[in-house]
Each structure stands twice: as C-alpha cells, then as structure tokens.
Amino acid sequence: MKKALHKQWRKAFGLKLREIRKSKDLTQATLAYMADIELSTLNRIELGKAGTSLTNIFALCEALSIHPKELFEFPL
C-alpha cells in the first residue's frame, strides 16, 4: 500500500512541476541547466519515476522563481 501511495505522490509532484515549467515557457533542458541538475533526472522526476532531494527541490524552485509549497499544491 505504501509503495502505491508514494508512486501516486511522485506522479502528482512531477505533473505539478511540469505544469509550472510549461507555464513559464521553459524546456526541460533549460530548467535542468538553470537548476544545475541532470536533464535525465528532471525527466524522471516529471514522469513520476523518481523522487528527488530537498536540494533539488529548492534549486528547481529558485530557477522557477516560486515558493517550494507551490510544487506541493496538488490533489491526492
């Protein structure tokens, strides 16, 4: 049960990240560069295939000019 719930959270987080990135007209490559993370890592996060660290979350938020809580505003 926990694994399924964690997968659901990762997917929702990734979709929210993608939504925000696209609303700012950024490609994955551009955001990855701005946040100093690997493009493949960003891709896996957006697809919900990988979780990420707080360090990456804060780097992504800084690059997107958003507060971290915005990435967690999604329905469960």
PDB file of N, CA and C in Angstrom:
ATOM      1  N   MET A   1       0.815  -1.195   0.000  1.00  0.00           N
ATOM      2  CA  MET A   1       0.000   0.000   0.000  1.00  0.00           C
ATOM      3  C   MET A   1       0.858   1.258   0.000  1.00  0.00           C
ATOM      4  N   LYS A   2       1.897   1.295   0.837  1.00  0.00           N
ATOM      5  CA  LYS A   2       2.744   2.487   0.917  1.00  0.00           C
ATOM      6  C   LYS A   2       3.426   2.780  -0.408  1.00  0.00           C
ATOM      7  N   LYS A   3       3.904   1.738  -1.093  1.00  0.00           N
ATOM      8  CA  LYS A   3       4.587   1.944  -2.369  1.00  0.00           C
ATOM      9  C   LYS A   3       3.650   2.570  -3.395  1.00  0.00           C
ATOM     10  N   ALA A   4       2.412   2.129  -3.412  1.00  0.00           N
ATOM     11  CA  ALA A   4       1.438   2.676  -4.357  1.00  0.00           C
ATOM     12  C   ALA A   4       1.168   4.144  -4.043  1.00  0.00           C
ATOM     13  N   LEU A   5       1.071   4.474  -2.770  1.00  0.00           N
ATOM     14  CA  LEU A   5       0.829   5.857  -2.362  1.00  0.00           C
ATOM     15  C   LEU A   5       2.024   6.737  -2.714  1.00  0.00           C
ATOM     16  N   HIS A   6       3.215   6.248  -2.464  1.00  0.00           N
ATOM     17  CA  HIS A   6       4.423   7.014  -2.804  1.00  0.00           C
ATOM     18  C   HIS A   6       4.511   7.241  -4.308  1.00  0.00           C
ATOM     19  N   LYS A   7       4.162   6.246  -5.081  1.00  0.00           N
ATOM     20  CA  LYS A   7       4.168   6.381  -6.542  1.00  0.00           C
ATOM     21  C   LYS A   7       3.166   7.452  -6.977  1.00  0.00           C
ATOM     22  N   GLN A   8       1.997   7.459  -6.337  1.00  0.00           N
ATOM     23  CA  GLN A   8       0.966   8.456  -6.638  1.00  0.00           C
ATOM     24  C   GLN A   8       1.488   9.870  -6.320  1.00  0.00           C
ATOM     25  N   TRP A   9       2.157  10.022  -5.187  1.00  0.00           N
ATOM     26  CA  TRP A   9       2.713  11.326  -4.805  1.00  0.00           C
ATOM     27  C   TRP A   9       3.784  11.775  -5.792  1.00  0.00           C
ATOM     28  N   ARG A  10       4.680  10.851  -6.162  1.00  0.00           N
ATOM     29  CA  ARG A  10       5.734  11.202  -7.127  1.00  0.00           C
ATOM     30  C   ARG A  10       5.123  11.659  -8.449  1.00  0.00           C
ATOM     31  N   LYS A  11       4.097  10.955  -8.899  1.00  0.00           N
ATOM     32  CA  LYS A  11       3.442  11.293 -10.165  1.00  0.00           C
ATOM     33  C   LYS A  11       2.784  12.679 -10.073  1.00  0.00           C
ATOM     34  N   ALA A  12       2.079  12.945  -8.982  1.00  0.00           N
ATOM     35  CA  ALA A  12       1.419  14.236  -8.796  1.00  0.00           C
ATOM     36  C   ALA A  12       2.444  15.370  -8.709  1.00  0.00           C
ATOM     37  N   PHE A  13       3.533  15.138  -7.999  1.00  0.00           N
ATOM     38  CA  PHE A  13       4.595  16.136  -7.885  1.00  0.00           C
ATOM     39  C   PHE A  13       5.192  16.426  -9.260  1.00  0.00           C
ATOM     40  N   GLY A  14       5.472  15.371 -10.007  1.00  0.00           N
ATOM     41  CA  GLY A  14       6.052  15.525 -11.335  1.00  0.00           C
ATOM     42  C   GLY A  14       5.141  16.281 -12.286  1.00  0.00           C
ATOM     43  N   LEU A  15       3.849  15.984 -12.235  1.00  0.00           N
ATOM     44  CA  LEU A  15       2.891  16.684 -13.084  1.00  0.00           C
ATOM     45  C   LEU A  15       2.815  18.168 -12.723  1.00  0.00           C
ATOM     46  N   LYS A  16       2.870  18.457 -11.420  1.00  0.00           N
ATOM     47  CA  LYS A  16       2.834  19.855 -10.974  1.00  0.00           C
ATOM     48  C   LYS A  16       4.086  20.587 -11.439  1.00  0.00           C
ATOM     49  N   LEU A  17       5.232  19.949 -11.309  1.00  0.00           N
ATOM     50  CA  LEU A  17       6.478  20.545 -11.761  1.00  0.00           C
ATOM     51  C   LEU A  17       6.412  20.835 -13.263  1.00  0.00           C
ATOM     52  N   ARG A  18       5.948  19.877 -14.037  1.00  0.00           N
ATOM     53  CA  ARG A  18       5.832  20.056 -15.488  1.00  0.00           C
ATOM     54  C   ARG A  18       4.872  21.200 -15.824  1.00  0.00           C
ATOM     55  N   GLU A  19       3.748  21.253 -15.122  1.00  0.00           N
ATOM     56  CA  GLU A  19       2.763  22.315 -15.347  1.00  0.00           C
ATOM     57  C   GLU A  19       3.386  23.698 -15.120  1.00  0.00           C
ATOM     58  N   ILE A  20       4.106  23.845 -14.020  1.00  0.00           N
ATOM     59  CA  ILE A  20       4.737  25.125 -13.704  1.00  0.00           C
ATOM     60  C   ILE A  20       5.827  25.454 -14.722  1.00  0.00           C
ATOM     61  N   ARG A  21       6.647  24.454 -15.070  1.00  0.00           N
ATOM     62  CA  ARG A  21       7.718  24.680 -16.047  1.00  0.00           C
ATOM     63  C   ARG A  21       7.140  25.162 -17.376  1.00  0.00           C
ATOM     64  N   LYS A  22       6.100  24.492 -17.831  1.00  0.00           N
ATOM     65  CA  LYS A  22       5.494  24.865 -19.117  1.00  0.00           C
ATOM     66  C   LYS A  22       4.820  26.233 -19.046  1.00  0.00           C
ATOM     67  N   SER A  23       4.253  26.579 -17.897  1.00  0.00           N
ATOM     68  CA  SER A  23       3.606  27.885 -17.752  1.00  0.00           C
ATOM     69  C   SER A  23       4.623  29.018 -17.858  1.00  0.00           C
ATOM     70  N   LYS A  24       5.874  28.693 -17.626  1.00  0.00           N
ATOM     71  CA  LYS A  24       6.946  29.684 -17.721  1.00  0.00           C
ATOM     72  C   LYS A  24       7.706  29.558 -19.043  1.00  0.00           C
ATOM     73  N   ASP A  25       7.150  28.762 -19.956  1.00  0.00           N
ATOM     74  CA  ASP A  25       7.732  28.564 -21.294  1.00  0.00           C
ATOM     75  C   ASP A  25       9.184  28.105 -21.253  1.00  0.00           C
ATOM     76  N   LEU A  26       9.470  27.164 -20.366  1.00  0.00           N
ATOM     77  CA  LEU A  26      10.824  26.617 -20.257  1.00  0.00           C
ATOM     78  C   LEU A  26      10.838  25.178 -20.763  1.00  0.00           C
ATOM     79  N   THR A  27      11.893  24.824 -21.443  1.00  0.00           N
ATOM     80  CA  THR A  27      12.081  23.425 -21.823  1.00  0.00           C
ATOM     81  C   THR A  27      12.695  22.690 -20.641  1.00  0.00           C
ATOM     82  N   GLN A  28      12.638  21.381 -20.690  1.00  0.00           N
ATOM     83  CA  GLN A  28      13.299  20.601 -19.646  1.00  0.00           C
ATOM     84  C   GLN A  28      14.793  20.904 -19.623  1.00  0.00           C
ATOM     85  N   ALA A  29      15.383  21.016 -20.795  1.00  0.00           N
ATOM     86  CA  ALA A  29      16.824  21.268 -20.873  1.00  0.00           C
ATOM     87  C   ALA A  29      17.185  22.607 -20.229  1.00  0.00           C
ATOM     88  N   THR A  30      16.376  23.623 -20.480  1.00  0.00           N
ATOM     89  CA  THR A  30      16.649  24.942 -19.912  1.00  0.00           C
ATOM     90  C   THR A  30      16.501  24.913 -18.398  1.00  0.00           C
ATOM     91  N   LEU A  31      15.424  24.312 -17.908  1.00  0.00           N
ATOM     92  CA  LEU A  31      15.222  24.250 -16.458  1.00  0.00           C
ATOM     93  C   LEU A  31      16.322  23.429 -15.786  1.00  0.00           C
ATOM     94  N   ALA A  32      16.685  22.319 -16.379  1.00  0.00           N
ATOM     95  CA  ALA A  32      17.754  21.493 -15.809  1.00  0.00           C
ATOM     96  C   ALA A  32      19.042  22.294 -15.709  1.00  0.00           C
ATOM     97  N   TYR A  33      19.357  23.058 -16.737  1.00  0.00           N
ATOM     98  CA  TYR A  33      20.557  23.892 -16.725  1.00  0.00           C
ATOM     99  C   TYR A  33      20.457  24.953 -15.629  1.00  0.00           C
ATOM    100  N   MET A  34      19.304  25.629 -15.558  1.00  0.00           N
ATOM    101  CA  MET A  34      19.121  26.700 -14.571  1.00  0.00           C
ATOM    102  C   MET A  34      19.198  26.176 -13.134  1.00  0.00           C
ATOM    103  N   ALA A  35      18.702  24.948 -12.915  1.00  0.00           N
ATOM    104  CA  ALA A  35      18.691  24.361 -11.573  1.00  0.00           C
ATOM    105  C   ALA A  35      19.943  23.540 -11.286  1.00  0.00           C
ATOM    106  N   ASP A  36      20.800  23.406 -12.297  1.00  0.00           N
ATOM    107  CA  ASP A  36      22.042  22.636 -12.167  1.00  0.00           C
ATOM    108  C   ASP A  36      21.775  21.184 -11.760  1.00  0.00           C
ATOM    109  N   ILE A  37      20.811  20.574 -12.464  1.00  0.00           N
ATOM    110  CA  ILE A  37      20.566  19.149 -12.277  1.00  0.00           C
ATOM    111  C   ILE A  37      20.597  18.483 -13.651  1.00  0.00           C
ATOM    112  N   GLU A  38      20.814  17.197 -13.662  1.00  0.00           N
ATOM    113  CA  GLU A  38      20.888  16.457 -14.921  1.00  0.00           C
ATOM    114  C   GLU A  38      19.523  16.456 -15.615  1.00  0.00           C
ATOM    115  N   LEU A  39      19.536  16.605 -16.922  1.00  0.00           N
ATOM    116  CA  LEU A  39      18.303  16.577 -17.714  1.00  0.00           C
ATOM    117  C   LEU A  39      17.562  15.266 -17.496  1.00  0.00           C
ATOM    118  N   SER A  40      18.286  14.158 -17.459  1.00  0.00           N
ATOM    119  CA  SER A  40      17.639  12.856 -17.265  1.00  0.00           C
ATOM    120  C   SER A  40      16.971  12.776 -15.891  1.00  0.00           C
ATOM    121  N   THR A  41      17.555  13.420 -14.901  1.00  0.00           N
ATOM    122  CA  THR A  41      16.963  13.451 -13.562  1.00  0.00           C
ATOM    123  C   THR A  41      15.659  14.228 -13.591  1.00  0.00           C
ATOM    124  N   LEU A  42      15.676  15.399 -14.215  1.00  0.00           N
ATOM    125  CA  LEU A  42      14.465  16.208 -14.323  1.00  0.00           C
ATOM    126  C   LEU A  42      13.375  15.439 -15.065  1.00  0.00           C
ATOM    127  N   ASN A  43      13.742  14.771 -16.130  1.00  0.00           N
ATOM    128  CA  ASN A  43      12.775  13.989 -16.895  1.00  0.00           C
ATOM    129  C   ASN A  43      12.130  12.918 -16.033  1.00  0.00           C
ATOM    130  N   ARG A  44      12.924  12.206 -15.273  1.00  0.00           N
ATOM    131  CA  ARG A  44      12.403  11.138 -14.413  1.00  0.00           C
ATOM    132  C   ARG A  44      11.521  11.695 -13.299  1.00  0.00           C
ATOM    133  N   ILE A  45      11.862  12.862 -12.778  1.00  0.00           N
ATOM    134  CA  ILE A  45      11.024  13.494 -11.749  1.00  0.00           C
ATOM    135  C   ILE A  45       9.669  13.871 -12.339  1.00  0.00           C
ATOM    136  N   GLU A  46       9.683  14.508 -13.499  1.00  0.00           N
ATOM    137  CA  GLU A  46       8.432  14.927 -14.134  1.00  0.00           C
ATOM    138  C   GLU A  46       7.549  13.746 -14.514  1.00  0.00           C
ATOM    139  N   LEU A  47       8.142  12.626 -14.839  1.00  0.00           N
ATOM    140  CA  LEU A  47       7.374  11.431 -15.200  1.00  0.00           C
ATOM    141  C   LEU A  47       6.912  10.639 -13.972  1.00  0.00           C
ATOM    142  N   GLY A  48       7.350  11.071 -12.801  1.00  0.00           N
ATOM    143  CA  GLY A  48       6.985  10.375 -11.575  1.00  0.00           C
ATOM    144  C   GLY A  48       7.736   9.080 -11.376  1.00  0.00           C
ATOM    145  N   LYS A  49       8.833   8.917 -12.091  1.00  0.00           N
ATOM    146  CA  LYS A  49       9.629   7.687 -11.996  1.00  0.00           C
ATOM    147  C   LYS A  49      10.712   7.776 -10.934  1.00  0.00           C
ATOM    148  N   ALA A  50      10.935   8.974 -10.414  1.00  0.00           N
ATOM    149  CA  ALA A  50      11.971   9.153  -9.395  1.00  0.00           C
ATOM    150  C   ALA A  50      11.551  10.252  -8.440  1.00  0.00           C
ATOM    151  N   GLY A  51      11.898  10.071  -7.187  1.00  0.00           N
ATOM    152  CA  GLY A  51      11.741  11.137  -6.214  1.00  0.00           C
ATOM    153  C   GLY A  51      12.941  12.052  -6.341  1.00  0.00           C
ATOM    154  N   THR A  52      13.002  13.051  -5.488  1.00  0.00           N
ATOM    155  CA  THR A  52      14.148  13.948  -5.546  1.00  0.00           C
ATOM    156  C   THR A  52      14.479  14.464  -4.156  1.00  0.00           C
ATOM    157  N   SER A  53      15.618  15.098  -4.044  1.00  0.00           N
ATOM    158  CA  SER A  53      16.080  15.605  -2.757  1.00  0.00           C
ATOM    159  C   SER A  53      15.557  17.013  -2.498  1.00  0.00           C
ATOM    160  N   LEU A  54      15.641  17.419  -1.248  1.00  0.00           N
ATOM    161  CA  LEU A  54      15.288  18.802  -0.910  1.00  0.00           C
ATOM    162  C   LEU A  54      16.197  19.782  -1.634  1.00  0.00           C
ATOM    163  N   THR A  55      17.441  19.417  -1.790  1.00  0.00           N
ATOM    164  CA  THR A  55      18.383  20.275  -2.508  1.00  0.00           C
ATOM    165  C   THR A  55      17.889  20.538  -3.923  1.00  0.00           C
ATOM    166  N   ASN A  56      17.465  19.483  -4.612  1.00  0.00           N
ATOM    167  CA  ASN A  56      16.943  19.654  -5.975  1.00  0.00           C
ATOM    168  C   ASN A  56      15.636  20.434  -5.986  1.00  0.00           C
ATOM    169  N   ILE A  57      14.774  20.179  -5.010  1.00  0.00           N
ATOM    170  CA  ILE A  57      13.507  20.908  -4.944  1.00  0.00           C
ATOM    171  C   ILE A  57      13.768  22.407  -4.810  1.00  0.00           C
ATOM    172  N   PHE A  58      14.668  22.783  -3.905  1.00  0.00           N
ATOM    173  CA  PHE A  58      14.971  24.203  -3.721  1.00  0.00           C
ATOM    174  C   PHE A  58      15.651  24.797  -4.955  1.00  0.00           C
ATOM    175  N   ALA A  59      16.503  24.030  -5.606  1.00  0.00           N
ATOM    176  CA  ALA A  59      17.156  24.513  -6.829  1.00  0.00           C
ATOM    177  C   ALA A  59      16.127  24.731  -7.937  1.00  0.00           C
ATOM    178  N   LEU A  60      15.192  23.807  -8.072  1.00  0.00           N
ATOM    179  CA  LEU A  60      14.139  23.949  -9.078  1.00  0.00           C
ATOM    180  C   LEU A  60      13.265  25.169  -8.775  1.00  0.00           C
ATOM    181  N   CYS A  61      12.920  25.336  -7.517  1.00  0.00           N
ATOM    182  CA  CYS A  61      12.090  26.482  -7.127  1.00  0.00           C
ATOM    183  C   CYS A  61      12.801  27.804  -7.370  1.00  0.00           C
ATOM    184  N   GLU A  62      14.069  27.849  -7.079  1.00  0.00           N
ATOM    185  CA  GLU A  62      14.836  29.071  -7.338  1.00  0.00           C
ATOM    186  C   GLU A  62      14.860  29.360  -8.844  1.00  0.00           C
ATOM    187  N   ALA A  63      15.088  28.334  -9.638  1.00  0.00           N
ATOM    188  CA  ALA A  63      15.129  28.508 -11.092  1.00  0.00           C
ATOM    189  C   ALA A  63      13.767  28.934 -11.648  1.00  0.00           C
ATOM    190  N   LEU A  64      12.699  28.445 -11.030  1.00  0.00           N
ATOM    191  CA  LEU A  64      11.344  28.772 -11.483  1.00  0.00           C
ATOM    192  C   LEU A  64      10.791  30.049 -10.833  1.00  0.00           C
ATOM    193  N   SER A  65      11.527  30.580  -9.874  1.00  0.00           N
ATOM    194  CA  SER A  65      11.090  31.766  -9.109  1.00  0.00           C
ATOM    195  C   SER A  65       9.750  31.530  -8.421  1.00  0.00           C
ATOM    196  N   ILE A  66       9.663  30.387  -7.739  1.00  0.00           N
ATOM    197  CA  ILE A  66       8.450  30.059  -6.997  1.00  0.00           C
ATOM    198  C   ILE A  66       8.813  29.647  -5.578  1.00  0.00           C
ATOM    199  N   HIS A  67       7.818  29.650  -4.696  1.00  0.00           N
ATOM    200  CA  HIS A  67       7.989  29.147  -3.338  1.00  0.00           C
ATOM    201  C   HIS A  67       7.838  27.625  -3.390  1.00  0.00           C
ATOM    202  N   PRO A  68       8.628  26.888  -2.624  1.00  0.00           N
ATOM    203  CA  PRO A  68       8.547  25.422  -2.661  1.00  0.00           C
ATOM    204  C   PRO A  68       7.142  24.861  -2.436  1.00  0.00           C
ATOM    205  N   LYS A  69       6.336  25.530  -1.631  1.00  0.00           N
ATOM    206  CA  LYS A  69       4.991  24.990  -1.361  1.00  0.00           C
ATOM    207  C   LYS A  69       4.160  24.868  -2.635  1.00  0.00           C
ATOM    208  N   GLU A  70       4.460  25.686  -3.646  1.00  0.00           N
ATOM    209  CA  GLU A  70       3.697  25.615  -4.892  1.00  0.00           C
ATOM    210  C   GLU A  70       3.836  24.257  -5.583  1.00  0.00           C
ATOM    211  N   LEU A  71       4.976  23.625  -5.411  1.00  0.00           N
ATOM    212  CA  LEU A  71       5.183  22.306  -6.022  1.00  0.00           C
ATOM    213  C   LEU A  71       4.357  21.213  -5.345  1.00  0.00           C
ATOM    214  N   PHE A  72       3.886  21.502  -4.141  1.00  0.00           N
ATOM    215  CA  PHE A  72       3.140  20.503  -3.388  1.00  0.00           C
ATOM    216  C   PHE A  72       1.642  20.784  -3.353  1.00  0.00           C
ATOM    217  N   GLU A  73       1.210  21.730  -4.148  1.00  0.00           N
ATOM    218  CA  GLU A  73      -0.220  22.060  -4.217  1.00  0.00           C
ATOM    219  C   GLU A  73      -0.870  21.237  -5.317  1.00  0.00           C
ATOM    220  N   PHE A  74      -1.163  19.989  -4.983  1.00  0.00           N
ATOM    221  CA  PHE A  74      -1.800  19.087  -5.937  1.00  0.00           C
ATOM    222  C   PHE A  74      -2.762  18.178  -5.172  1.00  0.00           C
ATOM    223  N   PRO A  75      -3.816  17.721  -5.853  1.00  0.00           N
ATOM    224  CA  PRO A  75      -4.770  16.824  -5.199  1.00  0.00           C
ATOM    225  C   PRO A  75      -4.176  15.428  -4.996  1.00  0.00           C
ATOM    226  N   LEU A  76      -4.566  14.813  -3.912  1.00  0.00           N
ATOM    227  CA  LEU A  76      -4.108  13.447  -3.650  1.00  0.00           C
ATOM    228  C   LEU A  76      -5.239  12.465  -3.834  1.00  0.00           C
TER     229      LEU A  76
END
